[in-house]
Amino acid sequence: MNGERVRIAKGLGGPVRIEALPENALRDSERKMIQNIRDITGYPQEAPMHPFFLTLARSPDIFSAFTRLGIEAMATSALGKRERELVILRTGWLCDAPYQWGEHVSSGRDAGLTDQEIERIKLGSQADGWSAPDRALLKAVEEMQADRTIHDATWVELAKHFDERQLIELPILSGHYNMTAMLQNALRFPPNRDMDGNFLPGMEWDDNGPVA
């Protein structure tokens, strides 16, 4: 492994730390919330329930609050779907979150991001080829990750392209997925076998985490 793979493997190595609940242990309210997310994201109806949500349901009140915020961020956000996925993917990349990255590569494609743009997200706002609004969004995510704020120059640029509601929702969206990345990494969720998007080329995963 190279240095980057060693670092990722050290943080995410080992089996999943908390087992998911069986589907028949869910309450009706939890089933309804999970179904809402499946509907919003286009998750295949015939697929098993997502293990992340089945695990989070072990803390019912947190599950409810977390899921409601996720639904609002995805379904009613003033930011466009493509812009949301741009923010989520850059957040996931900076958080070293292979599970989140893999989930949202597919969502990003559905939202209109090209494979070239998805690869460019790894390089961030300094990469060539971004439009001014895209570059401002990426720069804002990078500054929030590094400094926990958006700098004045970036805010001025954002305000040229986005309205006040969108500007309020931007840090909420990135912050929500920052929290999600930490939770998924801490519980050691490996990328699903059928996920798109290679977080680190050449790194494979088994049931015990990343392998060389």
N, C-alpha and C. Protein backbone atom coordinates (compact mmCIF):
# COMPACT_ATOMS: atom_id res chain seq x y z
N MET A 1 0.84 -1.20 0.00
CA MET A 1 0.00 0.00 0.00
C MET A 1 0.87 1.26 0.00
N ASN A 2 0.42 2.29 -0.72
CA ASN A 2 1.10 3.57 -0.62
C ASN A 2 0.65 4.29 0.64
N GLY A 3 1.23 5.47 0.89
CA GLY A 3 0.93 6.17 2.15
C GLY A 3 -0.52 6.50 2.32
N GLU A 4 -1.19 6.91 1.24
CA GLU A 4 -2.59 7.27 1.34
C GLU A 4 -3.45 6.06 1.67
N ARG A 5 -3.15 4.93 1.05
CA ARG A 5 -3.92 3.72 1.33
C ARG A 5 -3.69 3.24 2.75
N VAL A 6 -2.45 3.36 3.22
CA VAL A 6 -2.17 2.98 4.61
C VAL A 6 -3.00 3.82 5.57
N ARG A 7 -3.09 5.11 5.30
CA ARG A 7 -3.85 6.00 6.18
C ARG A 7 -5.33 5.64 6.18
N ILE A 8 -5.91 5.39 4.99
CA ILE A 8 -7.32 5.03 4.90
C ILE A 8 -7.55 3.68 5.57
N ALA A 9 -6.67 2.71 5.31
CA ALA A 9 -6.84 1.39 5.90
C ALA A 9 -6.75 1.43 7.41
N LYS A 10 -5.86 2.27 7.94
CA LYS A 10 -5.72 2.38 9.40
C LYS A 10 -7.00 2.91 10.03
N GLY A 11 -7.64 3.87 9.37
CA GLY A 11 -8.85 4.44 9.92
C GLY A 11 -10.07 3.57 9.75
N LEU A 12 -10.13 2.82 8.65
CA LEU A 12 -11.35 2.07 8.34
C LEU A 12 -11.15 0.57 8.40
N GLY A 13 -9.95 0.13 8.73
CA GLY A 13 -9.68 -1.29 8.75
C GLY A 13 -10.47 -2.01 9.83
N GLY A 14 -10.76 -3.28 9.58
CA GLY A 14 -11.51 -4.07 10.54
C GLY A 14 -12.96 -4.19 10.15
N PRO A 15 -13.67 -5.11 10.78
CA PRO A 15 -15.08 -5.34 10.43
C PRO A 15 -15.98 -4.21 10.90
N VAL A 16 -17.20 -4.20 10.38
CA VAL A 16 -18.22 -3.25 10.83
C VAL A 16 -18.36 -3.36 12.35
N ARG A 17 -18.46 -2.22 13.02
CA ARG A 17 -18.41 -2.22 14.48
C ARG A 17 -19.75 -2.50 15.14
N ILE A 18 -20.85 -2.15 14.49
CA ILE A 18 -22.18 -2.40 15.04
C ILE A 18 -23.03 -3.04 13.96
N GLU A 19 -23.62 -4.16 14.26
CA GLU A 19 -24.41 -4.88 13.26
C GLU A 19 -25.75 -4.17 13.02
N ALA A 20 -26.21 -4.25 11.79
CA ALA A 20 -27.51 -3.68 11.43
C ALA A 20 -28.63 -4.49 12.05
N LEU A 21 -29.72 -3.81 12.36
CA LEU A 21 -30.93 -4.50 12.81
C LEU A 21 -31.52 -5.33 11.68
N PRO A 22 -32.17 -6.45 11.99
CA PRO A 22 -32.95 -7.13 10.95
C PRO A 22 -34.14 -6.26 10.56
N GLU A 23 -34.56 -6.36 9.32
CA GLU A 23 -35.64 -5.50 8.84
C GLU A 23 -36.92 -5.67 9.66
N ASN A 24 -37.17 -6.87 10.15
CA ASN A 24 -38.42 -7.10 10.89
C ASN A 24 -38.40 -6.48 12.29
N ALA A 25 -37.26 -5.89 12.68
CA ALA A 25 -37.19 -5.22 13.98
C ALA A 25 -37.55 -3.74 13.89
N LEU A 26 -37.73 -3.22 12.69
CA LEU A 26 -38.05 -1.80 12.52
C LEU A 26 -39.48 -1.50 12.91
N ARG A 27 -39.68 -0.31 13.46
CA ARG A 27 -41.04 0.18 13.71
C ARG A 27 -41.62 0.73 12.42
N ASP A 28 -42.94 0.87 12.39
CA ASP A 28 -43.60 1.37 11.18
C ASP A 28 -43.10 2.76 10.80
N SER A 29 -42.87 3.61 11.81
CA SER A 29 -42.40 4.97 11.52
C SER A 29 -41.02 4.95 10.87
N GLU A 30 -40.18 4.02 11.29
CA GLU A 30 -38.84 3.91 10.71
C GLU A 30 -38.90 3.37 9.29
N ARG A 31 -39.79 2.42 9.08
CA ARG A 31 -39.97 1.89 7.72
C ARG A 31 -40.44 2.99 6.77
N LYS A 32 -41.34 3.83 7.24
CA LYS A 32 -41.86 4.90 6.40
C LYS A 32 -40.75 5.88 6.03
N MET A 33 -39.90 6.24 6.99
CA MET A 33 -38.80 7.17 6.70
C MET A 33 -37.82 6.57 5.70
N ILE A 34 -37.48 5.31 5.89
CA ILE A 34 -36.57 4.65 4.96
C ILE A 34 -37.18 4.60 3.57
N GLN A 35 -38.49 4.33 3.50
CA GLN A 35 -39.16 4.30 2.20
C GLN A 35 -39.14 5.67 1.55
N ASN A 36 -39.31 6.72 2.34
CA ASN A 36 -39.24 8.08 1.78
C ASN A 36 -37.88 8.34 1.14
N ILE A 37 -36.83 7.91 1.81
CA ILE A 37 -35.49 8.10 1.26
C ILE A 37 -35.30 7.28 -0.01
N ARG A 38 -35.81 6.06 -0.01
CA ARG A 38 -35.72 5.22 -1.22
C ARG A 38 -36.43 5.89 -2.38
N ASP A 39 -37.59 6.47 -2.10
CA ASP A 39 -38.35 7.13 -3.16
C ASP A 39 -37.60 8.34 -3.70
N ILE A 40 -37.03 9.13 -2.79
CA ILE A 40 -36.34 10.36 -3.19
C ILE A 40 -35.08 10.05 -3.99
N THR A 41 -34.34 9.04 -3.57
CA THR A 41 -33.06 8.74 -4.20
C THR A 41 -33.16 7.76 -5.36
N GLY A 42 -34.34 7.18 -5.56
CA GLY A 42 -34.48 6.19 -6.62
C GLY A 42 -33.86 4.84 -6.28
N TYR A 43 -33.70 4.57 -4.99
CA TYR A 43 -33.13 3.30 -4.55
C TYR A 43 -34.05 2.17 -4.99
N PRO A 44 -33.54 1.11 -5.61
CA PRO A 44 -34.40 0.05 -6.15
C PRO A 44 -35.32 -0.54 -5.09
N GLN A 45 -36.60 -0.62 -5.41
CA GLN A 45 -37.57 -1.10 -4.44
C GLN A 45 -37.34 -2.56 -4.06
N GLU A 46 -36.76 -3.33 -4.99
CA GLU A 46 -36.55 -4.75 -4.71
C GLU A 46 -35.29 -5.01 -3.89
N ALA A 47 -34.47 -3.97 -3.72
CA ALA A 47 -33.21 -4.13 -2.98
C ALA A 47 -33.46 -4.20 -1.48
N PRO A 48 -32.61 -4.89 -0.73
CA PRO A 48 -32.75 -4.91 0.73
C PRO A 48 -32.63 -3.50 1.30
N MET A 49 -33.17 -3.32 2.49
CA MET A 49 -33.03 -2.02 3.14
C MET A 49 -31.56 -1.72 3.40
N HIS A 50 -31.25 -0.45 3.32
CA HIS A 50 -29.86 0.01 3.42
C HIS A 50 -29.29 -0.31 4.80
N PRO A 51 -28.14 -0.99 4.89
CA PRO A 51 -27.58 -1.34 6.20
C PRO A 51 -27.24 -0.14 7.07
N PHE A 52 -26.91 0.99 6.45
CA PHE A 52 -26.60 2.18 7.24
C PHE A 52 -27.82 2.60 8.07
N PHE A 53 -28.99 2.65 7.44
CA PHE A 53 -30.19 3.06 8.16
C PHE A 53 -30.66 1.99 9.13
N LEU A 54 -30.45 0.73 8.78
CA LEU A 54 -30.81 -0.35 9.70
C LEU A 54 -29.93 -0.32 10.95
N THR A 55 -28.72 0.15 10.83
CA THR A 55 -27.84 0.30 11.99
C THR A 55 -28.22 1.53 12.80
N LEU A 56 -28.43 2.64 12.13
CA LEU A 56 -28.78 3.88 12.83
C LEU A 56 -30.09 3.73 13.60
N ALA A 57 -30.97 2.85 13.14
CA ALA A 57 -32.25 2.64 13.80
C ALA A 57 -32.10 2.04 15.20
N ARG A 58 -30.91 1.61 15.57
CA ARG A 58 -30.68 1.16 16.95
C ARG A 58 -30.77 2.33 17.94
N SER A 59 -30.70 3.55 17.44
CA SER A 59 -30.91 4.75 18.26
C SER A 59 -32.13 5.47 17.69
N PRO A 60 -33.34 5.07 18.08
CA PRO A 60 -34.56 5.49 17.37
C PRO A 60 -34.76 7.00 17.28
N ASP A 61 -34.52 7.74 18.36
CA ASP A 61 -34.76 9.19 18.31
C ASP A 61 -33.76 9.88 17.39
N ILE A 62 -32.49 9.49 17.49
CA ILE A 62 -31.47 10.05 16.60
C ILE A 62 -31.77 9.66 15.16
N PHE A 63 -32.17 8.41 14.95
CA PHE A 63 -32.54 7.96 13.60
C PHE A 63 -33.61 8.86 13.01
N SER A 64 -34.63 9.18 13.80
CA SER A 64 -35.73 10.00 13.31
C SER A 64 -35.25 11.40 12.93
N ALA A 65 -34.48 12.03 13.82
CA ALA A 65 -34.01 13.40 13.55
C ALA A 65 -33.03 13.42 12.38
N PHE A 66 -32.11 12.49 12.36
CA PHE A 66 -31.11 12.42 11.30
C PHE A 66 -31.78 12.21 9.94
N THR A 67 -32.74 11.31 9.90
CA THR A 67 -33.39 10.97 8.64
C THR A 67 -34.26 12.11 8.14
N ARG A 68 -34.95 12.80 9.06
CA ARG A 68 -35.77 13.95 8.64
C ARG A 68 -34.90 15.03 8.01
N LEU A 69 -33.73 15.29 8.61
CA LEU A 69 -32.84 16.29 8.04
C LEU A 69 -32.34 15.84 6.67
N GLY A 70 -32.00 14.57 6.54
CA GLY A 70 -31.55 14.05 5.25
C GLY A 70 -32.61 14.18 4.18
N ILE A 71 -33.86 13.90 4.53
CA ILE A 71 -34.96 14.03 3.57
C ILE A 71 -35.12 15.48 3.15
N GLU A 72 -35.06 16.40 4.11
CA GLU A 72 -35.19 17.82 3.76
C GLU A 72 -34.04 18.27 2.87
N ALA A 73 -32.83 17.81 3.18
CA ALA A 73 -31.66 18.21 2.40
C ALA A 73 -31.74 17.71 0.97
N MET A 74 -32.35 16.54 0.78
CA MET A 74 -32.42 15.97 -0.56
C MET A 74 -33.67 16.38 -1.32
N ALA A 75 -34.79 16.51 -0.63
CA ALA A 75 -36.07 16.68 -1.33
C ALA A 75 -36.51 18.12 -1.47
N THR A 76 -36.19 18.96 -0.52
CA THR A 76 -36.73 20.32 -0.54
C THR A 76 -35.65 21.39 -0.63
N SER A 77 -34.41 21.00 -0.78
CA SER A 77 -33.32 21.98 -0.84
C SER A 77 -33.50 22.92 -2.01
N ALA A 78 -33.15 24.19 -1.78
CA ALA A 78 -33.21 25.19 -2.85
C ALA A 78 -32.07 25.02 -3.84
N LEU A 79 -31.01 24.36 -3.44
CA LEU A 79 -29.92 24.07 -4.36
C LEU A 79 -30.37 23.01 -5.36
N GLY A 80 -29.93 23.14 -6.59
CA GLY A 80 -30.27 22.15 -7.60
C GLY A 80 -29.64 20.80 -7.29
N LYS A 81 -30.19 19.75 -7.89
CA LYS A 81 -29.70 18.40 -7.61
C LYS A 81 -28.22 18.25 -7.97
N ARG A 82 -27.83 18.79 -9.12
CA ARG A 82 -26.43 18.70 -9.52
C ARG A 82 -25.53 19.42 -8.53
N GLU A 83 -25.94 20.62 -8.10
CA GLU A 83 -25.15 21.38 -7.13
C GLU A 83 -25.05 20.65 -5.80
N ARG A 84 -26.16 20.03 -5.37
CA ARG A 84 -26.13 19.26 -4.12
C ARG A 84 -25.10 18.13 -4.21
N GLU A 85 -25.14 17.39 -5.31
CA GLU A 85 -24.22 16.26 -5.43
C GLU A 85 -22.77 16.72 -5.52
N LEU A 86 -22.54 17.86 -6.14
CA LEU A 86 -21.19 18.42 -6.18
C LEU A 86 -20.68 18.69 -4.76
N VAL A 87 -21.53 19.29 -3.93
CA VAL A 87 -21.17 19.59 -2.54
C VAL A 87 -20.97 18.30 -1.74
N ILE A 88 -21.88 17.35 -1.90
CA ILE A 88 -21.80 16.09 -1.14
C ILE A 88 -20.54 15.32 -1.50
N LEU A 89 -20.25 15.22 -2.79
CA LEU A 89 -19.08 14.46 -3.21
C LEU A 89 -17.78 15.11 -2.75
N ARG A 90 -17.68 16.44 -2.86
CA ARG A 90 -16.46 17.10 -2.38
C ARG A 90 -16.32 16.94 -0.88
N THR A 91 -17.43 17.04 -0.15
CA THR A 91 -17.39 16.82 1.30
C THR A 91 -16.93 15.41 1.62
N GLY A 92 -17.51 14.42 0.94
CA GLY A 92 -17.13 13.03 1.18
C GLY A 92 -15.67 12.76 0.88
N TRP A 93 -15.18 13.36 -0.20
CA TRP A 93 -13.77 13.16 -0.56
C TRP A 93 -12.85 13.75 0.51
N LEU A 94 -13.15 14.97 0.96
CA LEU A 94 -12.30 15.61 1.96
C LEU A 94 -12.40 14.94 3.32
N CYS A 95 -13.50 14.24 3.57
CA CYS A 95 -13.68 13.53 4.84
C CYS A 95 -13.13 12.10 4.79
N ASP A 96 -12.45 11.74 3.67
CA ASP A 96 -11.94 10.36 3.53
C ASP A 96 -13.05 9.35 3.77
N ALA A 97 -14.16 9.52 3.08
CA ALA A 97 -15.36 8.73 3.32
C ALA A 97 -15.70 7.88 2.10
N PRO A 98 -15.09 6.70 1.94
CA PRO A 98 -15.32 5.90 0.75
C PRO A 98 -16.76 5.42 0.60
N TYR A 99 -17.44 5.15 1.72
CA TYR A 99 -18.83 4.70 1.64
C TYR A 99 -19.70 5.82 1.07
N GLN A 100 -19.56 7.01 1.60
CA GLN A 100 -20.35 8.15 1.13
C GLN A 100 -19.99 8.49 -0.32
N TRP A 101 -18.71 8.48 -0.62
CA TRP A 101 -18.28 8.76 -1.99
C TRP A 101 -18.92 7.77 -2.97
N GLY A 102 -18.81 6.48 -2.67
CA GLY A 102 -19.35 5.47 -3.57
C GLY A 102 -20.84 5.59 -3.77
N GLU A 103 -21.57 5.88 -2.70
CA GLU A 103 -23.01 6.06 -2.81
C GLU A 103 -23.36 7.22 -3.74
N HIS A 104 -22.61 8.29 -3.65
CA HIS A 104 -23.01 9.52 -4.35
C HIS A 104 -22.36 9.69 -5.72
N VAL A 105 -21.44 8.83 -6.09
CA VAL A 105 -20.98 8.84 -7.48
C VAL A 105 -22.15 8.51 -8.40
N SER A 106 -22.90 7.48 -8.04
CA SER A 106 -24.08 7.12 -8.85
C SER A 106 -25.12 8.23 -8.83
N SER A 107 -25.39 8.79 -7.65
CA SER A 107 -26.36 9.89 -7.55
C SER A 107 -25.90 11.10 -8.35
N GLY A 108 -24.59 11.35 -8.32
CA GLY A 108 -24.05 12.48 -9.06
C GLY A 108 -24.25 12.32 -10.56
N ARG A 109 -24.02 11.10 -11.04
CA ARG A 109 -24.26 10.85 -12.47
C ARG A 109 -25.72 11.09 -12.82
N ASP A 110 -26.61 10.59 -11.98
CA ASP A 110 -28.04 10.79 -12.23
C ASP A 110 -28.40 12.27 -12.24
N ALA A 111 -27.66 13.07 -11.48
CA ALA A 111 -27.94 14.51 -11.39
C ALA A 111 -27.31 15.30 -12.53
N GLY A 112 -26.51 14.63 -13.36
CA GLY A 112 -25.94 15.32 -14.51
C GLY A 112 -24.44 15.52 -14.48
N LEU A 113 -23.77 15.08 -13.42
CA LEU A 113 -22.31 15.17 -13.39
C LEU A 113 -21.71 14.13 -14.32
N THR A 114 -20.72 14.52 -15.10
CA THR A 114 -20.04 13.59 -15.98
C THR A 114 -18.96 12.84 -15.21
N ASP A 115 -18.49 11.73 -15.79
CA ASP A 115 -17.41 10.99 -15.15
C ASP A 115 -16.16 11.86 -15.03
N GLN A 116 -15.93 12.72 -16.01
CA GLN A 116 -14.77 13.62 -15.95
C GLN A 116 -14.91 14.61 -14.80
N GLU A 117 -16.12 15.12 -14.60
CA GLU A 117 -16.34 16.05 -13.49
C GLU A 117 -16.19 15.35 -12.15
N ILE A 118 -16.67 14.12 -12.06
CA ILE A 118 -16.55 13.38 -10.80
C ILE A 118 -15.08 13.15 -10.46
N GLU A 119 -14.27 12.81 -11.45
CA GLU A 119 -12.83 12.67 -11.21
C GLU A 119 -12.22 14.01 -10.81
N ARG A 120 -12.70 15.10 -11.42
CA ARG A 120 -12.17 16.43 -11.14
C ARG A 120 -12.53 16.89 -9.74
N ILE A 121 -13.64 16.40 -9.20
CA ILE A 121 -14.02 16.75 -7.83
C ILE A 121 -12.92 16.35 -6.85
N LYS A 122 -12.21 15.27 -7.13
CA LYS A 122 -11.12 14.85 -6.26
C LYS A 122 -10.03 15.92 -6.18
N LEU A 123 -9.84 16.66 -7.27
CA LEU A 123 -8.82 17.71 -7.31
C LEU A 123 -9.33 19.02 -6.72
N GLY A 124 -10.65 19.21 -6.75
CA GLY A 124 -11.24 20.36 -6.08
C GLY A 124 -11.34 21.60 -6.93
N SER A 125 -11.48 22.73 -6.26
CA SER A 125 -11.77 24.00 -6.92
C SER A 125 -10.63 24.50 -7.79
N GLN A 126 -9.42 24.04 -7.55
CA GLN A 126 -8.27 24.51 -8.32
C GLN A 126 -8.13 23.83 -9.67
N ALA A 127 -8.91 22.78 -9.90
CA ALA A 127 -8.82 22.06 -11.17
C ALA A 127 -9.37 22.93 -12.31
N ASP A 128 -8.83 22.74 -13.48
CA ASP A 128 -9.33 23.45 -14.65
C ASP A 128 -10.69 22.90 -15.08
N GLY A 129 -11.50 23.76 -15.69
CA GLY A 129 -12.73 23.29 -16.31
C GLY A 129 -14.02 23.57 -15.58
N TRP A 130 -13.95 24.08 -14.35
CA TRP A 130 -15.17 24.36 -13.61
C TRP A 130 -15.79 25.68 -14.07
N SER A 131 -17.11 25.73 -14.04
CA SER A 131 -17.79 27.02 -14.20
C SER A 131 -17.59 27.84 -12.93
N ALA A 132 -17.87 29.13 -12.99
CA ALA A 132 -17.71 29.98 -11.81
C ALA A 132 -18.58 29.52 -10.64
N PRO A 133 -19.88 29.19 -10.85
CA PRO A 133 -20.69 28.71 -9.72
C PRO A 133 -20.17 27.41 -9.12
N ASP A 134 -19.78 26.46 -9.98
CA ASP A 134 -19.25 25.19 -9.47
C ASP A 134 -17.98 25.42 -8.66
N ARG A 135 -17.09 26.24 -9.17
CA ARG A 135 -15.83 26.50 -8.48
C ARG A 135 -16.08 27.14 -7.11
N ALA A 136 -17.06 28.05 -7.05
CA ALA A 136 -17.37 28.71 -5.78
C ALA A 136 -17.92 27.71 -4.77
N LEU A 137 -18.79 26.80 -5.21
CA LEU A 137 -19.32 25.78 -4.31
C LEU A 137 -18.20 24.89 -3.77
N LEU A 138 -17.34 24.43 -4.65
CA LEU A 138 -16.23 23.57 -4.22
C LEU A 138 -15.29 24.31 -3.26
N LYS A 139 -15.00 25.56 -3.58
CA LYS A 139 -14.14 26.36 -2.71
C LYS A 139 -14.76 26.54 -1.34
N ALA A 140 -16.07 26.76 -1.29
CA ALA A 140 -16.75 26.91 -0.01
C ALA A 140 -16.64 25.65 0.82
N VAL A 141 -16.84 24.49 0.20
CA VAL A 141 -16.71 23.22 0.93
C VAL A 141 -15.30 23.07 1.47
N GLU A 142 -14.31 23.38 0.66
CA GLU A 142 -12.92 23.25 1.09
C GLU A 142 -12.61 24.17 2.27
N GLU A 143 -13.12 25.38 2.23
CA GLU A 143 -12.87 26.32 3.33
C GLU A 143 -13.59 25.89 4.60
N MET A 144 -14.81 25.38 4.46
CA MET A 144 -15.53 24.91 5.65
C MET A 144 -14.82 23.72 6.28
N GLN A 145 -14.26 22.84 5.47
CA GLN A 145 -13.53 21.70 6.01
C GLN A 145 -12.24 22.15 6.69
N ALA A 146 -11.55 23.10 6.10
CA ALA A 146 -10.24 23.52 6.63
C ALA A 146 -10.36 24.51 7.78
N ASP A 147 -11.29 25.46 7.65
CA ASP A 147 -11.34 26.60 8.58
C ASP A 147 -12.67 26.75 9.30
N ARG A 148 -13.62 25.89 9.01
CA ARG A 148 -14.95 25.91 9.63
C ARG A 148 -15.71 27.19 9.33
N THR A 149 -15.42 27.81 8.19
CA THR A 149 -16.15 29.00 7.75
C THR A 149 -15.99 29.13 6.25
N ILE A 150 -16.70 30.10 5.67
CA ILE A 150 -16.53 30.46 4.26
C ILE A 150 -15.90 31.85 4.24
N HIS A 151 -14.79 32.00 3.58
CA HIS A 151 -14.07 33.27 3.56
C HIS A 151 -14.82 34.32 2.74
N ASP A 152 -14.53 35.57 3.03
CA ASP A 152 -15.27 36.68 2.42
C ASP A 152 -15.24 36.65 0.90
N ALA A 153 -14.07 36.43 0.32
CA ALA A 153 -13.96 36.45 -1.14
C ALA A 153 -14.82 35.36 -1.77
N THR A 154 -14.85 34.20 -1.13
CA THR A 154 -15.67 33.10 -1.65
C THR A 154 -17.15 33.41 -1.48
N TRP A 155 -17.51 34.01 -0.35
CA TRP A 155 -18.91 34.38 -0.12
C TRP A 155 -19.39 35.38 -1.17
N VAL A 156 -18.57 36.36 -1.48
CA VAL A 156 -18.94 37.34 -2.50
C VAL A 156 -19.18 36.64 -3.84
N GLU A 157 -18.32 35.69 -4.17
CA GLU A 157 -18.49 34.96 -5.44
C GLU A 157 -19.75 34.09 -5.40
N LEU A 158 -20.00 33.41 -4.30
CA LEU A 158 -21.21 32.61 -4.17
C LEU A 158 -22.46 33.46 -4.35
N ALA A 159 -22.45 34.66 -3.75
CA ALA A 159 -23.63 35.53 -3.79
C ALA A 159 -23.95 36.03 -5.20
N LYS A 160 -23.00 35.91 -6.11
CA LYS A 160 -23.27 36.27 -7.51
C LYS A 160 -24.15 35.22 -8.20
N HIS A 161 -24.17 34.01 -7.65
CA HIS A 161 -24.80 32.89 -8.35
C HIS A 161 -25.94 32.24 -7.58
N PHE A 162 -26.02 32.49 -6.27
CA PHE A 162 -26.99 31.80 -5.44
C PHE A 162 -27.72 32.80 -4.55
N ASP A 163 -29.01 32.49 -4.26
CA ASP A 163 -29.80 33.41 -3.45
C ASP A 163 -29.59 33.12 -1.96
N GLU A 164 -30.27 33.89 -1.11
CA GLU A 164 -30.03 33.79 0.33
C GLU A 164 -30.41 32.42 0.88
N ARG A 165 -31.53 31.89 0.42
CA ARG A 165 -31.93 30.57 0.90
C ARG A 165 -30.88 29.52 0.53
N GLN A 166 -30.40 29.57 -0.68
CA GLN A 166 -29.37 28.62 -1.11
C GLN A 166 -28.09 28.79 -0.31
N LEU A 167 -27.74 30.03 0.00
CA LEU A 167 -26.53 30.28 0.78
C LEU A 167 -26.65 29.77 2.21
N ILE A 168 -27.85 29.82 2.76
CA ILE A 168 -28.07 29.26 4.10
C ILE A 168 -27.97 27.74 4.06
N GLU A 169 -28.54 27.15 3.03
CA GLU A 169 -28.60 25.69 2.96
C GLU A 169 -27.27 25.04 2.60
N LEU A 170 -26.37 25.80 1.97
CA LEU A 170 -25.07 25.23 1.58
C LEU A 170 -24.29 24.70 2.77
N PRO A 171 -24.03 25.48 3.83
CA PRO A 171 -23.29 24.91 4.97
C PRO A 171 -24.07 23.84 5.71
N ILE A 172 -25.40 23.93 5.69
CA ILE A 172 -26.20 22.87 6.33
C ILE A 172 -26.00 21.56 5.59
N LEU A 173 -26.05 21.61 4.26
CA LEU A 173 -25.87 20.40 3.45
C LEU A 173 -24.49 19.79 3.65
N SER A 174 -23.45 20.62 3.53
CA SER A 174 -22.10 20.09 3.70
C SER A 174 -21.88 19.59 5.13
N GLY A 175 -22.41 20.32 6.11
CA GLY A 175 -22.27 19.90 7.50
C GLY A 175 -22.97 18.59 7.78
N HIS A 176 -24.16 18.41 7.19
CA HIS A 176 -24.89 17.15 7.38
C HIS A 176 -24.08 15.98 6.84
N TYR A 177 -23.49 16.15 5.68
CA TYR A 177 -22.74 15.05 5.09
C TYR A 177 -21.35 14.90 5.72
N ASN A 178 -20.83 15.93 6.34
CA ASN A 178 -19.64 15.79 7.17
C ASN A 178 -19.95 14.88 8.35
N MET A 179 -21.06 15.15 9.02
CA MET A 179 -21.49 14.31 10.14
C MET A 179 -21.73 12.87 9.68
N THR A 180 -22.39 12.72 8.53
CA THR A 180 -22.66 11.39 8.00
C THR A 180 -21.37 10.64 7.72
N ALA A 181 -20.39 11.33 7.15
CA ALA A 181 -19.10 10.70 6.85
C ALA A 181 -18.42 10.23 8.13
N MET A 182 -18.42 11.06 9.17
CA MET A 182 -17.80 10.67 10.43
C MET A 182 -18.50 9.45 11.03
N LEU A 183 -19.82 9.44 10.96
CA LEU A 183 -20.58 8.32 11.51
C LEU A 183 -20.28 7.04 10.74
N GLN A 184 -20.31 7.12 9.42
CA GLN A 184 -20.06 5.93 8.61
C GLN A 184 -18.63 5.43 8.76
N ASN A 185 -17.66 6.35 8.84
CA ASN A 185 -16.28 5.94 9.04
C ASN A 185 -16.07 5.33 10.43
N ALA A 186 -16.68 5.96 11.45
CA ALA A 186 -16.50 5.46 12.82
C ALA A 186 -17.09 4.07 12.99
N LEU A 187 -18.22 3.80 12.32
CA LEU A 187 -18.85 2.49 12.40
C LEU A 187 -18.26 1.50 11.39
N ARG A 188 -17.34 2.01 10.55
CA ARG A 188 -16.60 1.20 9.58
C ARG A 188 -17.51 0.54 8.55
N PHE A 189 -18.33 1.36 7.92
CA PHE A 189 -19.12 0.84 6.81
C PHE A 189 -18.23 0.72 5.57
N PRO A 190 -18.03 -0.49 5.05
CA PRO A 190 -17.25 -0.62 3.81
C PRO A 190 -18.13 -0.26 2.62
N PRO A 191 -17.52 0.17 1.51
CA PRO A 191 -18.32 0.39 0.31
C PRO A 191 -19.02 -0.89 -0.11
N ASN A 192 -20.25 -0.77 -0.59
CA ASN A 192 -20.96 -1.93 -1.11
C ASN A 192 -20.25 -2.47 -2.34
N ARG A 193 -20.37 -3.75 -2.57
CA ARG A 193 -19.69 -4.38 -3.69
C ARG A 193 -20.07 -3.74 -5.03
N ASP A 194 -21.34 -3.32 -5.16
CA ASP A 194 -21.82 -2.81 -6.44
C ASP A 194 -21.76 -1.29 -6.54
N MET A 195 -21.07 -0.64 -5.59
CA MET A 195 -20.96 0.82 -5.66
C MET A 195 -20.12 1.24 -6.86
N ASP A 196 -20.49 2.36 -7.44
CA ASP A 196 -19.67 2.98 -8.47
C ASP A 196 -18.62 3.86 -7.80
N GLY A 197 -17.58 4.18 -8.55
CA GLY A 197 -16.63 5.19 -8.06
C GLY A 197 -15.56 4.59 -7.19
N ASN A 198 -14.33 4.60 -7.67
CA ASN A 198 -13.22 4.05 -6.91
C ASN A 198 -12.62 5.14 -6.04
N PHE A 199 -12.74 4.99 -4.74
CA PHE A 199 -12.24 6.02 -3.83
C PHE A 199 -10.72 6.12 -3.93
N LEU A 200 -10.06 4.98 -3.90
CA LEU A 200 -8.61 4.94 -4.10
C LEU A 200 -8.32 3.85 -5.12
N PRO A 201 -7.91 4.20 -6.33
CA PRO A 201 -7.65 3.19 -7.35
C PRO A 201 -6.70 2.11 -6.85
N GLY A 202 -7.07 0.86 -7.09
CA GLY A 202 -6.23 -0.25 -6.68
C GLY A 202 -6.55 -0.79 -5.30
N MET A 203 -7.36 -0.08 -4.52
CA MET A 203 -7.73 -0.57 -3.19
C MET A 203 -9.01 -1.37 -3.29
N GLU A 204 -8.99 -2.57 -2.74
CA GLU A 204 -10.17 -3.41 -2.71
C GLU A 204 -10.64 -3.56 -1.27
N TRP A 205 -11.89 -4.05 -1.13
CA TRP A 205 -12.50 -4.16 0.19
C TRP A 205 -13.07 -5.55 0.36
N ASP A 206 -12.95 -6.08 1.57
CA ASP A 206 -13.66 -7.30 1.90
C ASP A 206 -14.47 -7.05 3.16
N ASP A 207 -15.01 -8.11 3.77
CA ASP A 207 -15.88 -7.92 4.92
C ASP A 207 -15.14 -7.36 6.14
N ASN A 208 -13.82 -7.38 6.11
CA ASN A 208 -13.03 -6.86 7.22
C ASN A 208 -12.42 -5.50 6.94
N GLY A 209 -12.82 -4.86 5.82
CA GLY A 209 -12.32 -3.54 5.51
C GLY A 209 -11.41 -3.53 4.30
N PRO A 210 -10.59 -2.47 4.15
CA PRO A 210 -9.75 -2.33 2.97
C PRO A 210 -8.57 -3.29 2.99
N VAL A 211 -8.23 -3.79 1.81
CA VAL A 211 -7.08 -4.67 1.66
C VAL A 211 -6.19 -4.11 0.56
N ALA A 212 -4.96 -4.56 0.53
CA ALA A 212 -4.01 -4.05 -0.48
C ALA A 212 -4.46 -4.45 -1.88
